[in-house]
Amino acid sequence: MIPDVGRITAEPSRFYDGGAPPPGPGQPDEPPDPETPLHIVLVRHEHGRDEDWQLRRRIAYCDRHCGELVVGGGIGDFHTDLTSVPVLFTWLVPKSGRHLPAALLHDGLVHEKRNQTYRSTKQVTVRRSEADRIMRDAMADGGTRIVRRWLIWAAVTTATMITGSGTGWSWPRRAWHPVAVVGSLLAIAYLGLCASFDLLDIRVPGFLELWWMGEERLWVELTRGLAAAILIPLALSLLWAPHVRAGAIAGIALATLFHVTIAVAVVSAAYWVLELVGRSRLALGAVLLAIPVLSAVVLLLAWL
């Protein structure tokens, strides 16, 4: 098994130009050139309200364990949505940035379509979990800061554990991982809601009064809540074995950013409601706009 090395020294030169397919029949293929810096060429395509991008030049990356990997086949074959990030989290991880080359590399390594291929000069078959590790190392080589790259790695590893596709895992492992991941994340979200209601001294049916919060001063409850937001995900991450680090990072991120995510969701919902109002759907827009406004008023009154 290829070791999962977490600490590496960044080497930007590991990314380089992957060349391009022949422009026409009978013309030579342009091979990868380690002496030429990476040059990403993307063409945007619209599909109604959606969009995707075509990679027009290949991306080459020399991995520390798998050797040279080249993604992108013929012109027009490679389609990508850039970095696959839910809208609610683009404030934390944007669609593009220093992590983009690694994200495109990862797209090529975990391709779902037959024509989105990668080429390995060592003839290595890259399983999906290994592709996640390669993405993490490649982000370091591309200059992505440490916190962001580990968050992204934890996110893609979470997706890998839920789907299990392209991993080569045994069926018991593929059956257990989704249960462990979804169950632990739902537990963290539920406890986050319980702690929030406890902090505001709101009693809601179906939500527990947490013993570690108690009836203390605000700063004491906040401190205890933060400690629980770290310790509980760490304990639950053991269920993610052997991907304990991913479970710890994903769980702590969810617990500590829980309220920020809710706030962003409320603002996003209000934005889309205003869009509906702007399209003259006044009745529906007014009703939907009243929901977050009334929720905010209720929370404010409960706080006072």
C-alpha atoms as a PDB file:
ATOM      1  CA  MET A   1       0.000   0.000   0.000  1.00  0.00           C
ATOM      2  CA  ILE A   2       1.283   3.474  -0.859  1.00  0.00           C
ATOM      3  CA  PRO A   3       1.924   5.415   2.361  1.00  0.00           C
ATOM      4  CA  ASP A   4      -0.344   8.317   3.226  1.00  0.00           C
ATOM      5  CA  VAL A   5       2.255  10.989   3.889  1.00  0.00           C
ATOM      6  CA  GLY A   6       0.837  14.092   5.533  1.00  0.00           C
ATOM      7  CA  ARG A   7       3.899  16.338   5.842  1.00  0.00           C
ATOM      8  CA  ILE A   8       5.636  17.238   2.591  1.00  0.00           C
ATOM      9  CA  THR A   9       7.874  19.955   1.244  1.00  0.00           C
ATOM     10  CA  ALA A  10       6.088  21.924  -1.482  1.00  0.00           C
ATOM     11  CA  GLU A  11       7.633  21.588  -4.943  1.00  0.00           C
ATOM     12  CA  PRO A  12       5.789  23.792  -7.491  1.00  0.00           C
ATOM     13  CA  SER A  13       7.772  22.295 -10.378  1.00  0.00           C
ATOM     14  CA  ARG A  14       5.891  19.016  -9.966  1.00  0.00           C
ATOM     15  CA  PHE A  15       3.108  20.659 -11.993  1.00  0.00           C
ATOM     16  CA  TYR A  16       4.004  21.281 -15.632  1.00  0.00           C
ATOM     17  CA  ASP A  17       2.477  21.539 -19.093  1.00  0.00           C
ATOM     18  CA  GLY A  18       0.863  18.289 -20.184  1.00  0.00           C
ATOM     19  CA  GLY A  19       0.859  19.065 -23.870  1.00  0.00           C
ATOM     20  CA  ALA A  20      -2.148  18.854 -26.154  1.00  0.00           C
ATOM     21  CA  PRO A  21      -3.813  16.326 -28.456  1.00  0.00           C
ATOM     22  CA  PRO A  22      -3.054  16.573 -32.177  1.00  0.00           C
ATOM     23  CA  PRO A  23      -4.950  19.499 -33.742  1.00  0.00           C
ATOM     24  CA  GLY A  24      -5.932  17.402 -36.722  1.00  0.00           C
ATOM     25  CA  PRO A  25      -5.744  13.923 -38.295  1.00  0.00           C
ATOM     26  CA  GLY A  26      -2.234  12.760 -39.046  1.00  0.00           C
ATOM     27  CA  GLN A  27      -0.604  15.473 -36.962  1.00  0.00           C
ATOM     28  CA  PRO A  28       1.699  14.621 -34.043  1.00  0.00           C
ATOM     29  CA  ASP A  29       0.620  14.647 -30.411  1.00  0.00           C
ATOM     30  CA  GLU A  30       2.220  17.331 -28.239  1.00  0.00           C
ATOM     31  CA  PRO A  31       3.817  15.453 -25.304  1.00  0.00           C
ATOM     32  CA  PRO A  32       4.188  16.678 -21.715  1.00  0.00           C
ATOM     33  CA  ASP A  33       7.153  18.969 -21.122  1.00  0.00           C
ATOM     34  CA  PRO A  34       8.585  19.131 -17.566  1.00  0.00           C
ATOM     35  CA  GLU A  35      10.529  22.249 -18.565  1.00  0.00           C
ATOM     36  CA  THR A  36       7.384  24.224 -19.444  1.00  0.00           C
ATOM     37  CA  PRO A  37       5.269  25.700 -16.627  1.00  0.00           C
ATOM     38  CA  LEU A  38       1.679  24.573 -16.268  1.00  0.00           C
ATOM     39  CA  HIS A  39      -0.670  26.411 -18.612  1.00  0.00           C
ATOM     40  CA  ILE A  40      -4.378  25.846 -17.933  1.00  0.00           C
ATOM     41  CA  VAL A  41      -6.713  26.570 -20.848  1.00  0.00           C
ATOM     42  CA  LEU A  42     -10.436  26.314 -20.078  1.00  0.00           C
ATOM     43  CA  VAL A  43     -13.428  27.014 -22.305  1.00  0.00           C
ATOM     44  CA  ARG A  44     -16.734  27.816 -20.607  1.00  0.00           C
ATOM     45  CA  HIS A  45     -19.989  26.221 -21.786  1.00  0.00           C
ATOM     46  CA  GLU A  46     -23.517  27.051 -20.628  1.00  0.00           C
ATOM     47  CA  HIS A  47     -26.282  24.486 -20.193  1.00  0.00           C
ATOM     48  CA  GLY A  48     -29.352  26.499 -19.291  1.00  0.00           C
ATOM     49  CA  ARG A  49     -28.583  27.909 -15.856  1.00  0.00           C
ATOM     50  CA  ASP A  50     -25.679  25.524 -15.357  1.00  0.00           C
ATOM     51  CA  GLU A  51     -22.168  25.695 -16.707  1.00  0.00           C
ATOM     52  CA  ASP A  52     -19.125  23.509 -17.116  1.00  0.00           C
ATOM     53  CA  TRP A  53     -15.627  23.931 -18.510  1.00  0.00           C
ATOM     54  CA  GLN A  54     -13.583  22.100 -21.114  1.00  0.00           C
ATOM     55  CA  LEU A  55      -9.874  21.564 -20.508  1.00  0.00           C
ATOM     56  CA  ARG A  56      -8.060  22.337 -23.770  1.00  0.00           C
ATOM     57  CA  ARG A  57      -4.507  21.480 -22.649  1.00  0.00           C
ATOM     58  CA  ARG A  58      -3.497  18.543 -20.525  1.00  0.00           C
ATOM     59  CA  ILE A  59      -2.271  18.874 -16.946  1.00  0.00           C
ATOM     60  CA  ALA A  60       0.853  16.954 -15.928  1.00  0.00           C
ATOM     61  CA  TYR A  61       1.846  16.285 -12.340  1.00  0.00           C
ATOM     62  CA  CYS A  62       4.716  14.200 -10.979  1.00  0.00           C
ATOM     63  CA  ASP A  63       3.435  12.503  -7.838  1.00  0.00           C
ATOM     64  CA  ARG A  64       5.897  11.391  -5.181  1.00  0.00           C
ATOM     65  CA  HIS A  65       4.611   7.791  -5.283  1.00  0.00           C
ATOM     66  CA  CYS A  66       2.761   7.308  -8.586  1.00  0.00           C
ATOM     67  CA  GLY A  67       5.172   9.155 -10.869  1.00  0.00           C
ATOM     68  CA  GLU A  68       3.990  11.243 -13.806  1.00  0.00           C
ATOM     69  CA  LEU A  69       0.220  11.578 -14.121  1.00  0.00           C
ATOM     70  CA  VAL A  70      -1.335  13.326 -17.119  1.00  0.00           C
ATOM     71  CA  VAL A  71      -5.046  14.193 -17.177  1.00  0.00           C
ATOM     72  CA  GLY A  72      -7.105  15.348 -20.123  1.00  0.00           C
ATOM     73  CA  GLY A  73      -7.511  13.333 -23.276  1.00  0.00           C
ATOM     74  CA  GLY A  74      -8.598  14.721 -26.625  1.00  0.00           C
ATOM     75  CA  ILE A  75      -9.766  18.295 -27.137  1.00  0.00           C
ATOM     76  CA  GLY A  76     -13.276  18.670 -25.772  1.00  0.00           C
ATOM     77  CA  ASP A  77     -13.191  15.357 -23.881  1.00  0.00           C
ATOM     78  CA  PHE A  78     -12.504  16.682 -20.402  1.00  0.00           C
ATOM     79  CA  HIS A  79     -15.437  18.484 -18.760  1.00  0.00           C
ATOM     80  CA  THR A  80     -15.244  19.863 -15.226  1.00  0.00           C
ATOM     81  CA  ASP A  81     -17.143  22.091 -12.819  1.00  0.00           C
ATOM     82  CA  LEU A  82     -13.806  23.358 -11.425  1.00  0.00           C
ATOM     83  CA  THR A  83     -13.698  22.831  -7.642  1.00  0.00           C
ATOM     84  CA  SER A  84     -16.863  20.998  -6.604  1.00  0.00           C
ATOM     85  CA  VAL A  85     -17.968  23.126  -3.648  1.00  0.00           C
ATOM     86  CA  PRO A  86     -21.557  23.553  -2.409  1.00  0.00           C
ATOM     87  CA  VAL A  87     -22.764  27.148  -2.679  1.00  0.00           C
ATOM     88  CA  LEU A  88     -22.941  27.530   1.112  1.00  0.00           C
ATOM     89  CA  PHE A  89     -19.195  26.926   1.449  1.00  0.00           C
ATOM     90  CA  THR A  90     -17.744  28.966  -1.426  1.00  0.00           C
ATOM     91  CA  TRP A  91     -16.920  31.738   1.069  1.00  0.00           C
ATOM     92  CA  LEU A  92     -14.472  29.280   2.643  1.00  0.00           C
ATOM     93  CA  VAL A  93     -13.299  27.383  -0.450  1.00  0.00           C
ATOM     94  CA  PRO A  94     -13.814  29.295  -3.726  1.00  0.00           C
ATOM     95  CA  LYS A  95     -14.362  27.530  -7.039  1.00  0.00           C
ATOM     96  CA  SER A  96     -10.981  28.719  -8.314  1.00  0.00           C
ATOM     97  CA  GLY A  97      -7.682  29.697  -6.753  1.00  0.00           C
ATOM     98  CA  ARG A  98      -4.308  28.144  -6.040  1.00  0.00           C
ATOM     99  CA  HIS A  99      -6.050  24.824  -5.452  1.00  0.00           C
ATOM    100  CA  LEU A 100      -7.553  24.734  -8.973  1.00  0.00           C
ATOM    101  CA  PRO A 101      -4.767  22.708 -10.698  1.00  0.00           C
ATOM    102  CA  ALA A 102      -5.039  20.045  -7.984  1.00  0.00           C
ATOM    103  CA  ALA A 103      -8.847  20.042  -8.271  1.00  0.00           C
ATOM    104  CA  LEU A 104      -8.649  19.520 -12.051  1.00  0.00           C
ATOM    105  CA  LEU A 105      -6.078  16.766 -11.535  1.00  0.00           C
ATOM    106  CA  HIS A 106      -8.423  15.090  -9.049  1.00  0.00           C
ATOM    107  CA  ASP A 107     -11.313  15.362 -11.530  1.00  0.00           C
ATOM    108  CA  GLY A 108      -9.254  13.491 -14.094  1.00  0.00           C
ATOM    109  CA  LEU A 109      -8.181  10.780 -11.652  1.00  0.00           C
ATOM    110  CA  VAL A 110     -11.706  10.013 -10.410  1.00  0.00           C
ATOM    111  CA  HIS A 111     -13.405  10.357 -13.780  1.00  0.00           C
ATOM    112  CA  GLU A 112     -16.917   8.987 -14.165  1.00  0.00           C
ATOM    113  CA  LYS A 113     -16.921   8.971 -17.963  1.00  0.00           C
ATOM    114  CA  ARG A 114     -14.816   6.689 -20.107  1.00  0.00           C
ATOM    115  CA  ASN A 115     -13.355   9.538 -22.156  1.00  0.00           C
ATOM    116  CA  GLN A 116     -12.097  11.464 -19.112  1.00  0.00           C
ATOM    117  CA  THR A 117      -8.907   9.472 -18.717  1.00  0.00           C
ATOM    118  CA  TYR A 118      -5.556   9.874 -17.051  1.00  0.00           C
ATOM    119  CA  ARG A 119      -2.219   8.482 -18.090  1.00  0.00           C
ATOM    120  CA  SER A 120       0.427   7.135 -15.715  1.00  0.00           C
ATOM    121  CA  THR A 121       3.968   6.594 -16.973  1.00  0.00           C
ATOM    122  CA  LYS A 122       4.416   3.964 -14.226  1.00  0.00           C
ATOM    123  CA  GLN A 123       1.195   2.232 -15.341  1.00  0.00           C
ATOM    124  CA  VAL A 124      -0.248   2.811 -11.862  1.00  0.00           C
ATOM    125  CA  THR A 125      -3.979   2.353 -11.312  1.00  0.00           C
ATOM    126  CA  VAL A 126      -5.058   5.227  -9.085  1.00  0.00           C
ATOM    127  CA  ARG A 127      -7.882   4.311  -6.746  1.00  0.00           C
ATOM    128  CA  ARG A 128     -10.173   7.069  -5.541  1.00  0.00           C
ATOM    129  CA  SER A 129      -8.810   7.262  -1.989  1.00  0.00           C
ATOM    130  CA  GLU A 130      -5.292   7.526  -3.435  1.00  0.00           C
ATOM    131  CA  ALA A 131      -6.515  10.271  -5.778  1.00  0.00           C
ATOM    132  CA  ASP A 132      -7.676  12.171  -2.692  1.00  0.00           C
ATOM    133  CA  ARG A 133      -4.176  11.924  -1.202  1.00  0.00           C
ATOM    134  CA  ILE A 134      -2.604  13.017  -4.504  1.00  0.00           C
ATOM    135  CA  MET A 135      -4.911  16.047  -4.551  1.00  0.00           C
ATOM    136  CA  ARG A 136      -3.818  17.014  -1.051  1.00  0.00           C
ATOM    137  CA  ASP A 137      -0.123  16.803  -1.944  1.00  0.00           C
ATOM    138  CA  ALA A 138      -0.731  18.610  -5.242  1.00  0.00           C
ATOM    139  CA  MET A 139      -2.481  21.462  -3.427  1.00  0.00           C
ATOM    140  CA  ALA A 140       0.621  21.883  -1.283  1.00  0.00           C
ATOM    141  CA  ASP A 141       2.795  21.969  -4.407  1.00  0.00           C
ATOM    142  CA  GLY A 142       0.429  24.505  -5.957  1.00  0.00           C
ATOM    143  CA  GLY A 143       0.715  26.862  -2.984  1.00  0.00           C
ATOM    144  CA  THR A 144      -2.614  26.194  -1.231  1.00  0.00           C
ATOM    145  CA  ARG A 145      -2.377  27.113   2.445  1.00  0.00           C
ATOM    146  CA  ILE A 146      -2.368  24.280   4.951  1.00  0.00           C
ATOM    147  CA  VAL A 147      -5.790  24.795   6.571  1.00  0.00           C
ATOM    148  CA  ARG A 148      -7.626  25.089   3.261  1.00  0.00           C
ATOM    149  CA  ARG A 149      -5.953  22.080   1.685  1.00  0.00           C
ATOM    150  CA  TRP A 150      -6.706  19.830   4.664  1.00  0.00           C
ATOM    151  CA  LEU A 151     -10.314  21.035   4.692  1.00  0.00           C
ATOM    152  CA  ILE A 152     -10.641  20.245   0.985  1.00  0.00           C
ATOM    153  CA  TRP A 153      -8.986  16.866   1.453  1.00  0.00           C
ATOM    154  CA  ALA A 154     -11.358  16.030   4.318  1.00  0.00           C
ATOM    155  CA  ALA A 155     -14.326  17.032   2.145  1.00  0.00           C
ATOM    156  CA  VAL A 156     -13.321  14.871  -0.836  1.00  0.00           C
ATOM    157  CA  THR A 157     -12.449  11.967   1.483  1.00  0.00           C
ATOM    158  CA  THR A 158     -15.905  12.276   3.046  1.00  0.00           C
ATOM    159  CA  ALA A 159     -17.463  12.029  -0.422  1.00  0.00           C
ATOM    160  CA  THR A 160     -15.262   9.030  -1.227  1.00  0.00           C
ATOM    161  CA  MET A 161     -16.344   7.238   1.955  1.00  0.00           C
ATOM    162  CA  ILE A 162     -20.020   7.886   1.257  1.00  0.00           C
ATOM    163  CA  THR A 163     -20.000   6.729  -2.373  1.00  0.00           C
ATOM    164  CA  GLY A 164     -17.285   4.083  -2.181  1.00  0.00           C
ATOM    165  CA  SER A 165     -17.008   4.162  -5.972  1.00  0.00           C
ATOM    166  CA  GLY A 166     -13.622   3.539  -7.539  1.00  0.00           C
ATOM    167  CA  THR A 167     -12.023   2.568  -4.229  1.00  0.00           C
ATOM    168  CA  GLY A 168     -11.707  -1.197  -4.575  1.00  0.00           C
ATOM    169  CA  TRP A 169     -12.884  -1.602  -0.974  1.00  0.00           C
ATOM    170  CA  SER A 170     -14.612  -4.752   0.233  1.00  0.00           C
ATOM    171  CA  TRP A 171     -18.414  -4.635   0.445  1.00  0.00           C
ATOM    172  CA  PRO A 172     -18.483  -4.613   4.305  1.00  0.00           C
ATOM    173  CA  ARG A 173     -16.246  -1.554   4.289  1.00  0.00           C
ATOM    174  CA  ARG A 174     -18.301   0.134   1.582  1.00  0.00           C
ATOM    175  CA  ALA A 175     -21.437  -0.576   3.607  1.00  0.00           C
ATOM    176  CA  TRP A 176     -20.017   0.665   6.924  1.00  0.00           C
ATOM    177  CA  HIS A 177     -18.381   3.913   5.827  1.00  0.00           C
ATOM    178  CA  PRO A 178     -21.587   5.719   4.728  1.00  0.00           C
ATOM    179  CA  VAL A 179     -23.269   4.764   8.007  1.00  0.00           C
ATOM    180  CA  ALA A 180     -20.320   6.034  10.053  1.00  0.00           C
ATOM    181  CA  VAL A 181     -19.945   9.260   8.079  1.00  0.00           C
ATOM    182  CA  VAL A 182     -23.605  10.254   7.781  1.00  0.00           C
ATOM    183  CA  GLY A 183     -24.434   9.097  11.302  1.00  0.00           C
ATOM    184  CA  SER A 184     -21.593  11.019  12.960  1.00  0.00           C
ATOM    185  CA  LEU A 185     -22.215  14.211  10.969  1.00  0.00           C
ATOM    186  CA  LEU A 186     -25.951  14.100  11.758  1.00  0.00           C
ATOM    187  CA  ALA A 187     -25.130  13.568  15.439  1.00  0.00           C
ATOM    188  CA  ILE A 188     -22.821  16.593  15.405  1.00  0.00           C
ATOM    189  CA  ALA A 189     -25.464  18.737  13.689  1.00  0.00           C
ATOM    190  CA  TYR A 190     -28.143  17.593  16.164  1.00  0.00           C
ATOM    191  CA  LEU A 191     -25.947  18.341  19.169  1.00  0.00           C
ATOM    192  CA  GLY A 192     -25.102  21.708  17.619  1.00  0.00           C
ATOM    193  CA  LEU A 193     -28.807  22.573  17.522  1.00  0.00           C
ATOM    194  CA  CYS A 194     -29.260  21.336  21.086  1.00  0.00           C
ATOM    195  CA  ALA A 195     -26.367  23.489  22.277  1.00  0.00           C
ATOM    196  CA  SER A 196     -27.752  26.512  20.406  1.00  0.00           C
ATOM    197  CA  PHE A 197     -31.181  26.170  21.998  1.00  0.00           C
ATOM    198  CA  ASP A 198     -29.535  25.591  25.380  1.00  0.00           C
ATOM    199  CA  LEU A 199     -27.424  28.714  24.992  1.00  0.00           C
ATOM    200  CA  LEU A 200     -30.520  30.777  24.196  1.00  0.00           C
ATOM    201  CA  ASP A 201     -32.494  29.075  26.997  1.00  0.00           C
ATOM    202  CA  ILE A 202     -35.095  27.865  24.510  1.00  0.00           C
ATOM    203  CA  ARG A 203     -36.849  24.564  25.172  1.00  0.00           C
ATOM    204  CA  VAL A 204     -37.773  22.766  21.960  1.00  0.00           C
ATOM    205  CA  PRO A 205     -39.446  19.320  21.952  1.00  0.00           C
ATOM    206  CA  GLY A 206     -37.127  16.623  20.666  1.00  0.00           C
ATOM    207  CA  PHE A 207     -33.932  18.486  21.588  1.00  0.00           C
ATOM    208  CA  LEU A 208     -31.935  17.601  24.686  1.00  0.00           C
ATOM    209  CA  GLU A 209     -30.707  19.850  27.458  1.00  0.00           C
ATOM    210  CA  LEU A 210     -26.961  19.201  27.364  1.00  0.00           C
ATOM    211  CA  TRP A 211     -25.381  18.592  30.755  1.00  0.00           C
ATOM    212  CA  TRP A 212     -22.113  20.270  29.806  1.00  0.00           C
ATOM    213  CA  MET A 213     -23.844  23.555  28.980  1.00  0.00           C
ATOM    214  CA  GLY A 214     -25.722  23.996  32.258  1.00  0.00           C
ATOM    215  CA  GLU A 215     -27.132  27.277  33.532  1.00  0.00           C
ATOM    216  CA  GLU A 216     -23.952  29.319  33.654  1.00  0.00           C
ATOM    217  CA  ARG A 217     -22.718  32.693  32.526  1.00  0.00           C
ATOM    218  CA  LEU A 218     -22.639  33.230  28.776  1.00  0.00           C
ATOM    219  CA  TRP A 219     -18.857  33.013  28.434  1.00  0.00           C
ATOM    220  CA  VAL A 220     -18.811  29.774  30.448  1.00  0.00           C
ATOM    221  CA  GLU A 221     -21.441  28.170  28.237  1.00  0.00           C
ATOM    222  CA  LEU A 222     -19.639  29.356  25.095  1.00  0.00           C
ATOM    223  CA  THR A 223     -16.354  27.909  26.355  1.00  0.00           C
ATOM    224  CA  ARG A 224     -17.947  24.580  27.221  1.00  0.00           C
ATOM    225  CA  GLY A 225     -19.749  24.516  23.881  1.00  0.00           C
ATOM    226  CA  LEU A 226     -16.489  25.108  22.020  1.00  0.00           C
ATOM    227  CA  ALA A 227     -14.746  22.366  23.986  1.00  0.00           C
ATOM    228  CA  ALA A 228     -17.564  19.951  23.138  1.00  0.00           C
ATOM    229  CA  ALA A 229     -17.416  21.029  19.465  1.00  0.00           C
ATOM    230  CA  ILE A 230     -13.839  19.746  19.429  1.00  0.00           C
ATOM    231  CA  LEU A 231     -13.928  16.720  21.729  1.00  0.00           C
ATOM    232  CA  ILE A 232     -17.137  15.091  20.452  1.00  0.00           C
ATOM    233  CA  PRO A 233     -16.084  15.127  16.742  1.00  0.00           C
ATOM    234  CA  LEU A 234     -12.671  13.755  17.777  1.00  0.00           C
ATOM    235  CA  ALA A 235     -14.384  10.835  19.513  1.00  0.00           C
ATOM    236  CA  LEU A 236     -16.770  10.207  16.606  1.00  0.00           C
ATOM    237  CA  SER A 237     -13.891  10.304  14.114  1.00  0.00           C
ATOM    238  CA  LEU A 238     -12.773   6.905  15.424  1.00  0.00           C
ATOM    239  CA  LEU A 239     -15.756   5.474  13.550  1.00  0.00           C
ATOM    240  CA  TRP A 240     -14.143   6.669  10.308  1.00  0.00           C
ATOM    241  CA  ALA A 241     -11.108   4.385  10.657  1.00  0.00           C
ATOM    242  CA  PRO A 242      -8.779   4.217   8.826  1.00  0.00           C
ATOM    243  CA  HIS A 243      -9.652   7.799   7.769  1.00  0.00           C
ATOM    244  CA  VAL A 244      -9.686   9.166  11.311  1.00  0.00           C
ATOM    245  CA  ARG A 245      -7.979  12.431  10.332  1.00  0.00           C
ATOM    246  CA  ALA A 246     -10.646  13.175   7.747  1.00  0.00           C
ATOM    247  CA  GLY A 247     -13.367  12.466  10.307  1.00  0.00           C
ATOM    248  CA  ALA A 248     -11.752  14.735  12.884  1.00  0.00           C
ATOM    249  CA  ILE A 249     -11.314  17.612  10.434  1.00  0.00           C
ATOM    250  CA  ALA A 250     -14.790  17.295   8.895  1.00  0.00           C
ATOM    251  CA  GLY A 251     -16.473  16.919  12.271  1.00  0.00           C
ATOM    252  CA  ILE A 252     -14.699  19.821  13.974  1.00  0.00           C
ATOM    253  CA  ALA A 253     -15.255  22.033  10.929  1.00  0.00           C
ATOM    254  CA  LEU A 254     -18.982  21.233  10.959  1.00  0.00           C
ATOM    255  CA  ALA A 255     -19.285  21.826  14.705  1.00  0.00           C
ATOM    256  CA  THR A 256     -17.323  25.073  14.844  1.00  0.00           C
ATOM    257  CA  LEU A 257     -18.752  26.531  11.618  1.00  0.00           C
ATOM    258  CA  PHE A 258     -22.291  25.343  12.332  1.00  0.00           C
ATOM    259  CA  HIS A 259     -23.760  28.742  13.121  1.00  0.00           C
ATOM    260  CA  VAL A 260     -21.847  30.462  10.328  1.00  0.00           C
ATOM    261  CA  THR A 261     -23.279  27.945   7.869  1.00  0.00           C
ATOM    262  CA  ILE A 262     -26.809  28.545   9.148  1.00  0.00           C
ATOM    263  CA  ALA A 263     -26.315  32.310   8.833  1.00  0.00           C
ATOM    264  CA  VAL A 264     -25.017  31.938   5.267  1.00  0.00           C
ATOM    265  CA  ALA A 265     -27.970  29.654   4.458  1.00  0.00           C
ATOM    266  CA  VAL A 266     -30.429  32.246   5.775  1.00  0.00           C
ATOM    267  CA  VAL A 267     -28.781  35.043   3.795  1.00  0.00           C
ATOM    268  CA  SER A 268     -28.688  32.862   0.658  1.00  0.00           C
ATOM    269  CA  ALA A 269     -32.368  31.989   1.086  1.00  0.00           C
ATOM    270  CA  ALA A 270     -33.227  35.669   1.497  1.00  0.00           C
ATOM    271  CA  TYR A 271     -31.287  36.450  -1.678  1.00  0.00           C
ATOM    272  CA  TRP A 272     -33.187  33.885  -3.718  1.00  0.00           C
ATOM    273  CA  VAL A 273     -36.450  35.156  -2.277  1.00  0.00           C
ATOM    274  CA  LEU A 274     -35.564  38.652  -3.453  1.00  0.00           C
ATOM    275  CA  GLU A 275     -34.815  37.190  -6.868  1.00  0.00           C
ATOM    276  CA  LEU A 276     -38.328  35.739  -6.914  1.00  0.00           C
ATOM    277  CA  VAL A 277     -39.723  39.115  -5.909  1.00  0.00           C
ATOM    278  CA  GLY A 278     -37.728  40.714  -8.689  1.00  0.00           C
ATOM    279  CA  ARG A 279     -39.355  38.339 -11.154  1.00  0.00           C
ATOM    280  CA  SER A 280     -42.781  39.630 -10.093  1.00  0.00           C
ATOM    281  CA  ARG A 281     -43.663  36.527  -8.134  1.00  0.00           C
ATOM    282  CA  LEU A 282     -44.696  38.827  -5.326  1.00  0.00           C
ATOM    283  CA  ALA A 283     -47.044  36.561  -3.390  1.00  0.00           C
ATOM    284  CA  LEU A 284     -44.619  33.649  -3.180  1.00  0.00           C
ATOM    285  CA  GLY A 285     -41.711  35.983  -2.557  1.00  0.00           C
ATOM    286  CA  ALA A 286     -43.488  37.788   0.290  1.00  0.00           C
ATOM    287  CA  VAL A 287     -44.329  34.508   2.018  1.00  0.00           C
ATOM    288  CA  LEU A 288     -40.802  33.142   1.705  1.00  0.00           C
ATOM    289  CA  LEU A 289     -39.250  36.425   2.779  1.00  0.00           C
ATOM    290  CA  ALA A 290     -41.376  36.419   5.927  1.00  0.00           C
ATOM    291  CA  ILE A 291     -39.951  33.080   7.070  1.00  0.00           C
ATOM    292  CA  PRO A 292     -36.317  34.167   7.766  1.00  0.00           C
ATOM    293  CA  VAL A 293     -37.459  37.555   9.039  1.00  0.00           C
ATOM    294  CA  LEU A 294     -39.887  36.053  11.567  1.00  0.00           C
ATOM    295  CA  SER A 295     -37.268  33.460  12.570  1.00  0.00           C
ATOM    296  CA  ALA A 296     -34.770  36.220  13.286  1.00  0.00           C
ATOM    297  CA  VAL A 297     -37.358  38.164  15.329  1.00  0.00           C
ATOM    298  CA  VAL A 298     -38.246  35.077  17.384  1.00  0.00           C
ATOM    299  CA  LEU A 299     -34.589  34.345  18.122  1.00  0.00           C
ATOM    300  CA  LEU A 300     -33.965  37.969  19.082  1.00  0.00           C
ATOM    301  CA  LEU A 301     -36.956  38.024  21.465  1.00  0.00           C
ATOM    302  CA  ALA A 302     -35.838  34.718  22.981  1.00  0.00           C
ATOM    303  CA  TRP A 303     -32.332  36.129  23.489  1.00  0.00           C
ATOM    304  CA  LEU A 304     -33.727  39.247  25.235  1.00  0.00           C
END
